[in-house]
Amino acid sequence: MTDAPRRPILSLKFPPAPKAPPPAAAKESRWKCKPCGAAVVLTGAEPDDQEVRCPACNAKLGLVGQFLSDPPSPKIRARR
């Protein structure tokens, strides 16, 4: 045998574990205010009895539950 330095033993490495998908976000819906046309975004995290107001003109558009029902209530003052 020779006194040469030994090479390290090669080993197989497992690939990194796949990243877990992000948690399912609440269903986001986008609407337009009928009075002024500004965008209104509902994240789905709001309580059903909370009222929705336009961020631009502050008009009351309806309740969150009315927006999330299928089909949406005809009483809301917004369009998709």
PDB file of N, CA and C in Angstrom:
ATOM      1  N   MET A   1       0.832  -1.171   0.000  1.00  0.00           N
ATOM      2  CA  MET A   1       0.000   0.000   0.000  1.00  0.00           C
ATOM      3  C   MET A   1       0.878   1.236   0.000  1.00  0.00           C
ATOM      4  N   THR A   2       0.280   2.267  -0.553  1.00  0.00           N
ATOM      5  CA  THR A   2       1.045   3.511  -0.620  1.00  0.00           C
ATOM      6  C   THR A   2       0.614   4.435   0.501  1.00  0.00           C
ATOM      7  N   ASP A   3       1.433   5.369   0.795  1.00  0.00           N
ATOM      8  CA  ASP A   3       1.120   6.321   1.860  1.00  0.00           C
ATOM      9  C   ASP A   3       0.391   7.558   1.319  1.00  0.00           C
ATOM     10  N   ALA A   4      -0.229   7.453   0.166  1.00  0.00           N
ATOM     11  CA  ALA A   4      -0.963   8.580  -0.416  1.00  0.00           C
ATOM     12  C   ALA A   4      -2.225   8.835   0.406  1.00  0.00           C
ATOM     13  N   PRO A   5      -2.670  10.096   0.479  1.00  0.00           N
ATOM     14  CA  PRO A   5      -3.890  10.381   1.238  1.00  0.00           C
ATOM     15  C   PRO A   5      -5.088   9.680   0.599  1.00  0.00           C
ATOM     16  N   ARG A   6      -5.964   9.227   1.441  1.00  0.00           N
ATOM     17  CA  ARG A   6      -7.136   8.510   0.955  1.00  0.00           C
ATOM     18  C   ARG A   6      -8.197   9.490   0.480  1.00  0.00           C
ATOM     19  N   ARG A   7      -8.885   9.075  -0.549  1.00  0.00           N
ATOM     20  CA  ARG A   7      -9.983   9.889  -1.037  1.00  0.00           C
ATOM     21  C   ARG A   7     -11.211   9.629  -0.157  1.00  0.00           C
ATOM     22  N   PRO A   8     -12.054  10.633   0.038  1.00  0.00           N
ATOM     23  CA  PRO A   8     -13.239  10.408   0.860  1.00  0.00           C
ATOM     24  C   PRO A   8     -14.194   9.451   0.135  1.00  0.00           C
ATOM     25  N   ILE A   9     -14.931   8.715   0.906  1.00  0.00           N
ATOM     26  CA  ILE A   9     -15.909   7.805   0.341  1.00  0.00           C
ATOM     27  C   ILE A   9     -17.111   8.628  -0.102  1.00  0.00           C
ATOM     28  N   LEU A  10     -17.552   8.397  -1.320  1.00  0.00           N
ATOM     29  CA  LEU A  10     -18.694   9.121  -1.845  1.00  0.00           C
ATOM     30  C   LEU A  10     -19.973   8.508  -1.289  1.00  0.00           C
ATOM     31  N   SER A  11     -20.908   9.363  -0.969  1.00  0.00           N
ATOM     32  CA  SER A  11     -22.184   8.869  -0.471  1.00  0.00           C
ATOM     33  C   SER A  11     -23.312   9.538  -1.251  1.00  0.00           C
ATOM     34  N   LEU A  12     -24.417   8.849  -1.366  1.00  0.00           N
ATOM     35  CA  LEU A  12     -25.581   9.405  -2.053  1.00  0.00           C
ATOM     36  C   LEU A  12     -26.345  10.285  -1.077  1.00  0.00           C
ATOM     37  N   LYS A  13     -26.725  11.439  -1.556  1.00  0.00           N
ATOM     38  CA  LYS A  13     -27.508  12.346  -0.725  1.00  0.00           C
ATOM     39  C   LYS A  13     -28.939  12.369  -1.249  1.00  0.00           C
ATOM     40  N   PHE A  14     -29.867  12.363  -0.350  1.00  0.00           N
ATOM     41  CA  PHE A  14     -31.259  12.433  -0.744  1.00  0.00           C
ATOM     42  C   PHE A  14     -31.575  13.859  -1.180  1.00  0.00           C
ATOM     43  N   PRO A  15     -32.446  14.018  -2.180  1.00  0.00           N
ATOM     44  CA  PRO A  15     -32.812  15.385  -2.591  1.00  0.00           C
ATOM     45  C   PRO A  15     -33.571  16.068  -1.467  1.00  0.00           C
ATOM     46  N   PRO A  16     -33.536  17.381  -1.423  1.00  0.00           N
ATOM     47  CA  PRO A  16     -34.261  18.090  -0.360  1.00  0.00           C
ATOM     48  C   PRO A  16     -35.753  17.791  -0.456  1.00  0.00           C
ATOM     49  N   ALA A  17     -36.383  17.756   0.680  1.00  0.00           N
ATOM     50  CA  ALA A  17     -37.817  17.480   0.732  1.00  0.00           C
ATOM     51  C   ALA A  17     -38.571  18.601   0.022  1.00  0.00           C
ATOM     52  N   PRO A  18     -39.615  18.270  -0.727  1.00  0.00           N
ATOM     53  CA  PRO A  18     -40.370  19.330  -1.408  1.00  0.00           C
ATOM     54  C   PRO A  18     -41.058  20.223  -0.385  1.00  0.00           C
ATOM     55  N   LYS A  19     -41.124  21.486  -0.734  1.00  0.00           N
ATOM     56  CA  LYS A  19     -41.765  22.439   0.166  1.00  0.00           C
ATOM     57  C   LYS A  19     -43.258  22.183   0.199  1.00  0.00           C
ATOM     58  N   ALA A  20     -43.817  22.305   1.360  1.00  0.00           N
ATOM     59  CA  ALA A  20     -45.259  22.112   1.511  1.00  0.00           C
ATOM     60  C   ALA A  20     -45.979  23.276   0.835  1.00  0.00           C
ATOM     61  N   PRO A  21     -47.083  23.003   0.162  1.00  0.00           N
ATOM     62  CA  PRO A  21     -47.804  24.111  -0.468  1.00  0.00           C
ATOM     63  C   PRO A  21     -48.345  25.048   0.604  1.00  0.00           C
ATOM     64  N   PRO A  22     -48.486  26.318   0.262  1.00  0.00           N
ATOM     65  CA  PRO A  22     -49.018  27.250   1.254  1.00  0.00           C
ATOM     66  C   PRO A  22     -50.427  26.841   1.645  1.00  0.00           C
ATOM     67  N   PRO A  23     -50.841  27.182   2.852  1.00  0.00           N
ATOM     68  CA  PRO A  23     -52.188  26.805   3.285  1.00  0.00           C
ATOM     69  C   PRO A  23     -53.223  27.410   2.346  1.00  0.00           C
ATOM     70  N   ALA A  24     -54.282  26.688   2.162  1.00  0.00           N
ATOM     71  CA  ALA A  24     -55.331  27.148   1.260  1.00  0.00           C
ATOM     72  C   ALA A  24     -55.875  28.481   1.757  1.00  0.00           C
ATOM     73  N   ALA A  25     -55.731  29.474   0.929  1.00  0.00           N
ATOM     74  CA  ALA A  25     -56.206  30.800   1.296  1.00  0.00           C
ATOM     75  C   ALA A  25     -57.719  30.846   1.151  1.00  0.00           C
ATOM     76  N   ALA A  26     -58.311  31.707   1.903  1.00  0.00           N
ATOM     77  CA  ALA A  26     -59.753  31.871   1.781  1.00  0.00           C
ATOM     78  C   ALA A  26     -60.057  32.363   0.369  1.00  0.00           C
ATOM     79  N   LYS A  27     -61.197  31.992  -0.115  1.00  0.00           N
ATOM     80  CA  LYS A  27     -61.558  32.345  -1.482  1.00  0.00           C
ATOM     81  C   LYS A  27     -61.718  33.860  -1.597  1.00  0.00           C
ATOM     82  N   GLU A  28     -60.899  34.454  -2.440  1.00  0.00           N
ATOM     83  CA  GLU A  28     -60.938  35.897  -2.638  1.00  0.00           C
ATOM     84  C   GLU A  28     -61.854  36.192  -3.813  1.00  0.00           C
ATOM     85  N   SER A  29     -62.682  37.202  -3.675  1.00  0.00           N
ATOM     86  CA  SER A  29     -63.551  37.585  -4.779  1.00  0.00           C
ATOM     87  C   SER A  29     -63.411  39.084  -5.017  1.00  0.00           C
ATOM     88  N   ARG A  30     -63.469  39.436  -6.280  1.00  0.00           N
ATOM     89  CA  ARG A  30     -63.337  40.841  -6.673  1.00  0.00           C
ATOM     90  C   ARG A  30     -64.660  41.327  -7.246  1.00  0.00           C
ATOM     91  N   TRP A  31     -65.039  42.520  -6.836  1.00  0.00           N
ATOM     92  CA  TRP A  31     -66.283  43.123  -7.266  1.00  0.00           C
ATOM     93  C   TRP A  31     -66.021  44.567  -7.666  1.00  0.00           C
ATOM     94  N   LYS A  32     -66.984  45.168  -8.358  1.00  0.00           N
ATOM     95  CA  LYS A  32     -66.917  46.593  -8.677  1.00  0.00           C
ATOM     96  C   LYS A  32     -68.137  47.271  -8.087  1.00  0.00           C
ATOM     97  N   CYS A  33     -67.900  48.391  -7.474  1.00  0.00           N
ATOM     98  CA  CYS A  33     -68.966  49.191  -6.886  1.00  0.00           C
ATOM     99  C   CYS A  33     -69.850  49.734  -8.010  1.00  0.00           C
ATOM    100  N   LYS A  34     -71.175  49.551  -7.902  1.00  0.00           N
ATOM    101  CA  LYS A  34     -72.077  50.071  -8.938  1.00  0.00           C
ATOM    102  C   LYS A  34     -72.142  51.598  -8.938  1.00  0.00           C
ATOM    103  N   PRO A  35     -72.165  52.265  -7.775  1.00  0.00           N
ATOM    104  CA  PRO A  35     -72.237  53.727  -7.815  1.00  0.00           C
ATOM    105  C   PRO A  35     -71.012  54.403  -8.432  1.00  0.00           C
ATOM    106  N   CYS A  36     -69.787  53.936  -8.122  1.00  0.00           N
ATOM    107  CA  CYS A  36     -68.607  54.665  -8.609  1.00  0.00           C
ATOM    108  C   CYS A  36     -67.674  53.830  -9.475  1.00  0.00           C
ATOM    109  N   GLY A  37     -67.770  52.500  -9.453  1.00  0.00           N
ATOM    110  CA  GLY A  37     -66.922  51.653 -10.297  1.00  0.00           C
ATOM    111  C   GLY A  37     -65.592  51.273  -9.679  1.00  0.00           C
ATOM    112  N   ALA A  38     -65.365  51.600  -8.421  1.00  0.00           N
ATOM    113  CA  ALA A  38     -64.098  51.250  -7.770  1.00  0.00           C
ATOM    114  C   ALA A  38     -64.063  49.756  -7.448  1.00  0.00           C
ATOM    115  N   ALA A  39     -62.858  49.200  -7.373  1.00  0.00           N
ATOM    116  CA  ALA A  39     -62.684  47.777  -7.070  1.00  0.00           C
ATOM    117  C   ALA A  39     -62.907  47.522  -5.583  1.00  0.00           C
ATOM    118  N   VAL A  40     -63.612  46.426  -5.299  1.00  0.00           N
ATOM    119  CA  VAL A  40     -63.874  45.996  -3.926  1.00  0.00           C
ATOM    120  C   VAL A  40     -63.417  44.549  -3.834  1.00  0.00           C
ATOM    121  N   VAL A  41     -62.514  44.245  -2.905  1.00  0.00           N
ATOM    122  CA  VAL A  41     -61.980  42.894  -2.753  1.00  0.00           C
ATOM    123  C   VAL A  41     -62.459  42.320  -1.433  1.00  0.00           C
ATOM    124  N   LEU A  42     -63.063  41.132  -1.513  1.00  0.00           N
ATOM    125  CA  LEU A  42     -63.477  40.406  -0.317  1.00  0.00           C
ATOM    126  C   LEU A  42     -62.559  39.210  -0.167  1.00  0.00           C
ATOM    127  N   THR A  43     -61.940  39.063   0.992  1.00  0.00           N
ATOM    128  CA  THR A  43     -60.988  37.976   1.199  1.00  0.00           C
ATOM    129  C   THR A  43     -61.657  36.682   1.617  1.00  0.00           C
ATOM    130  N   GLY A  44     -62.856  36.729   2.099  1.00  0.00           N
ATOM    131  CA  GLY A  44     -63.548  35.539   2.574  1.00  0.00           C
ATOM    132  C   GLY A  44     -63.314  35.289   4.056  1.00  0.00           C
ATOM    133  N   ALA A  45     -62.461  36.075   4.688  1.00  0.00           N
ATOM    134  CA  ALA A  45     -62.176  35.921   6.111  1.00  0.00           C
ATOM    135  C   ALA A  45     -63.097  36.789   6.967  1.00  0.00           C
ATOM    136  N   GLU A  46     -63.889  37.634   6.321  1.00  0.00           N
ATOM    137  CA  GLU A  46     -64.775  38.511   7.063  1.00  0.00           C
ATOM    138  C   GLU A  46     -65.981  37.723   7.584  1.00  0.00           C
ATOM    139  N   PRO A  47     -66.556  38.136   8.707  1.00  0.00           N
ATOM    140  CA  PRO A  47     -67.784  37.477   9.184  1.00  0.00           C
ATOM    141  C   PRO A  47     -68.947  37.772   8.234  1.00  0.00           C
ATOM    142  N   ASP A  48     -69.903  36.847   8.164  1.00  0.00           N
ATOM    143  CA  ASP A  48     -71.014  36.979   7.220  1.00  0.00           C
ATOM    144  C   ASP A  48     -71.914  38.174   7.492  1.00  0.00           C
ATOM    145  N   ASP A  49     -71.966  38.630   8.735  1.00  0.00           N
ATOM    146  CA  ASP A  49     -72.864  39.739   9.050  1.00  0.00           C
ATOM    147  C   ASP A  49     -72.187  41.108   8.986  1.00  0.00           C
ATOM    148  N   GLN A  50     -70.956  41.165   8.514  1.00  0.00           N
ATOM    149  CA  GLN A  50     -70.241  42.436   8.391  1.00  0.00           C
ATOM    150  C   GLN A  50     -70.690  43.133   7.111  1.00  0.00           C
ATOM    151  N   GLU A  51     -70.905  44.436   7.187  1.00  0.00           N
ATOM    152  CA  GLU A  51     -71.319  45.154   5.989  1.00  0.00           C
ATOM    153  C   GLU A  51     -70.100  45.502   5.135  1.00  0.00           C
ATOM    154  N   VAL A  52     -70.316  45.530   3.829  1.00  0.00           N
ATOM    155  CA  VAL A  52     -69.258  45.840   2.863  1.00  0.00           C
ATOM    156  C   VAL A  52     -69.472  47.258   2.385  1.00  0.00           C
ATOM    157  N   ARG A  53     -68.414  48.062   2.467  1.00  0.00           N
ATOM    158  CA  ARG A  53     -68.477  49.444   2.002  1.00  0.00           C
ATOM    159  C   ARG A  53     -67.425  49.666   0.933  1.00  0.00           C
ATOM    160  N   CYS A  54     -67.730  50.537  -0.002  1.00  0.00           N
ATOM    161  CA  CYS A  54     -66.796  50.869  -1.077  1.00  0.00           C
ATOM    162  C   CYS A  54     -65.636  51.670  -0.488  1.00  0.00           C
ATOM    163  N   PRO A  55     -64.393  51.313  -0.819  1.00  0.00           N
ATOM    164  CA  PRO A  55     -63.261  52.072  -0.290  1.00  0.00           C
ATOM    165  C   PRO A  55     -63.145  53.473  -0.886  1.00  0.00           C
ATOM    166  N   ALA A  56     -63.750  53.709  -2.052  1.00  0.00           N
ATOM    167  CA  ALA A  56     -63.625  55.015  -2.693  1.00  0.00           C
ATOM    168  C   ALA A  56     -64.740  55.977  -2.287  1.00  0.00           C
ATOM    169  N   CYS A  57     -66.000  55.521  -2.396  1.00  0.00           N
ATOM    170  CA  CYS A  57     -67.116  56.443  -2.141  1.00  0.00           C
ATOM    171  C   CYS A  57     -67.848  56.157  -0.839  1.00  0.00           C
ATOM    172  N   ASN A  58     -67.447  55.106  -0.116  1.00  0.00           N
ATOM    173  CA  ASN A  58     -68.009  54.724   1.179  1.00  0.00           C
ATOM    174  C   ASN A  58     -69.485  54.323   1.099  1.00  0.00           C
ATOM    175  N   ALA A  59     -69.960  53.946  -0.080  1.00  0.00           N
ATOM    176  CA  ALA A  59     -71.342  53.498  -0.215  1.00  0.00           C
ATOM    177  C   ALA A  59     -71.488  52.113   0.396  1.00  0.00           C
ATOM    178  N   LYS A  60     -72.612  51.870   1.063  1.00  0.00           N
ATOM    179  CA  LYS A  60     -72.883  50.544   1.607  1.00  0.00           C
ATOM    180  C   LYS A  60     -73.323  49.650   0.454  1.00  0.00           C
ATOM    181  N   LEU A  61     -72.576  48.563   0.233  1.00  0.00           N
ATOM    182  CA  LEU A  61     -72.847  47.683  -0.898  1.00  0.00           C
ATOM    183  C   LEU A  61     -73.654  46.464  -0.507  1.00  0.00           C
ATOM    184  N   GLY A  62     -73.627  46.059   0.741  1.00  0.00           N
ATOM    185  CA  GLY A  62     -74.371  44.900   1.207  1.00  0.00           C
ATOM    186  C   GLY A  62     -73.619  44.217   2.327  1.00  0.00           C
ATOM    187  N   LEU A  63     -74.053  43.018   2.676  1.00  0.00           N
ATOM    188  CA  LEU A  63     -73.396  42.229   3.711  1.00  0.00           C
ATOM    189  C   LEU A  63     -72.514  41.171   3.059  1.00  0.00           C
ATOM    190  N   VAL A  64     -71.463  40.741   3.759  1.00  0.00           N
ATOM    191  CA  VAL A  64     -70.539  39.743   3.232  1.00  0.00           C
ATOM    192  C   VAL A  64     -71.288  38.460   2.873  1.00  0.00           C
ATOM    193  N   GLY A  65     -72.234  38.052   3.692  1.00  0.00           N
ATOM    194  CA  GLY A  65     -73.006  36.845   3.422  1.00  0.00           C
ATOM    195  C   GLY A  65     -73.784  36.929   2.116  1.00  0.00           C
ATOM    196  N   GLN A  66     -74.246  38.135   1.766  1.00  0.00           N
ATOM    197  CA  GLN A  66     -74.964  38.312   0.508  1.00  0.00           C
ATOM    198  C   GLN A  66     -74.027  38.158  -0.686  1.00  0.00           C
ATOM    199  N   PHE A  67     -72.779  38.581  -0.532  1.00  0.00           N
ATOM    200  CA  PHE A  67     -71.806  38.460  -1.613  1.00  0.00           C
ATOM    201  C   PHE A  67     -71.373  37.012  -1.816  1.00  0.00           C
ATOM    202  N   LEU A  68     -71.218  36.267  -0.720  1.00  0.00           N
ATOM    203  CA  LEU A  68     -70.687  34.914  -0.790  1.00  0.00           C
ATOM    204  C   LEU A  68     -71.731  33.857  -1.090  1.00  0.00           C
ATOM    205  N   SER A  69     -73.026  34.205  -1.055  1.00  0.00           N
ATOM    206  CA  SER A  69     -74.057  33.211  -1.351  1.00  0.00           C
ATOM    207  C   SER A  69     -73.998  32.849  -2.834  1.00  0.00           C
ATOM    208  N   ASP A  70     -74.546  31.673  -3.164  1.00  0.00           N
ATOM    209  CA  ASP A  70     -74.502  31.235  -4.555  1.00  0.00           C
ATOM    210  C   ASP A  70     -75.917  31.013  -5.039  1.00  0.00           C
ATOM    211  N   PRO A  71     -76.458  31.765  -5.913  1.00  0.00           N
ATOM    212  CA  PRO A  71     -75.931  32.969  -6.564  1.00  0.00           C
ATOM    213  C   PRO A  71     -75.971  34.161  -5.613  1.00  0.00           C
ATOM    214  N   PRO A  72     -75.172  35.185  -5.895  1.00  0.00           N
ATOM    215  CA  PRO A  72     -75.163  36.369  -5.015  1.00  0.00           C
ATOM    216  C   PRO A  72     -76.547  37.010  -4.943  1.00  0.00           C
ATOM    217  N   SER A  73     -76.829  37.593  -3.824  1.00  0.00           N
ATOM    218  CA  SER A  73     -78.122  38.234  -3.605  1.00  0.00           C
ATOM    219  C   SER A  73     -78.317  39.379  -4.607  1.00  0.00           C
ATOM    220  N   PRO A  74     -79.535  39.539  -5.142  1.00  0.00           N
ATOM    221  CA  PRO A  74     -79.766  40.649  -6.076  1.00  0.00           C
ATOM    222  C   PRO A  74     -79.793  42.014  -5.374  1.00  0.00           C
ATOM    223  N   LYS A  75     -79.757  42.031  -4.044  1.00  0.00           N
ATOM    224  CA  LYS A  75     -79.803  43.284  -3.301  1.00  0.00           C
ATOM    225  C   LYS A  75     -78.451  43.976  -3.188  1.00  0.00           C
ATOM    226  N   ILE A  76     -77.360  43.309  -3.540  1.00  0.00           N
ATOM    227  CA  ILE A  76     -76.046  43.952  -3.393  1.00  0.00           C
ATOM    228  C   ILE A  76     -75.860  45.011  -4.476  1.00  0.00           C
ATOM    229  N   ARG A  77     -75.076  46.032  -4.142  1.00  0.00           N
ATOM    230  CA  ARG A  77     -74.843  47.132  -5.056  1.00  0.00           C
ATOM    231  C   ARG A  77     -73.440  47.041  -5.646  1.00  0.00           C
ATOM    232  N   ALA A  78     -73.127  45.886  -6.216  1.00  0.00           N
ATOM    233  CA  ALA A  78     -71.825  45.671  -6.833  1.00  0.00           C
ATOM    234  C   ALA A  78     -71.975  44.640  -7.939  1.00  0.00           C
ATOM    235  N   ARG A  79     -71.034  44.627  -8.849  1.00  0.00           N
ATOM    236  CA  ARG A  79     -71.035  43.636  -9.931  1.00  0.00           C
ATOM    237  C   ARG A  79     -69.663  43.005 -10.009  1.00  0.00           C
ATOM    238  N   ARG A  80     -69.598  41.817 -10.563  1.00  0.00           N
ATOM    239  CA  ARG A  80     -68.313  41.104 -10.680  1.00  0.00           C
ATOM    240  C   ARG A  80     -67.455  41.712 -11.740  1.00  0.00           C
TER     241      ARG A  80
END
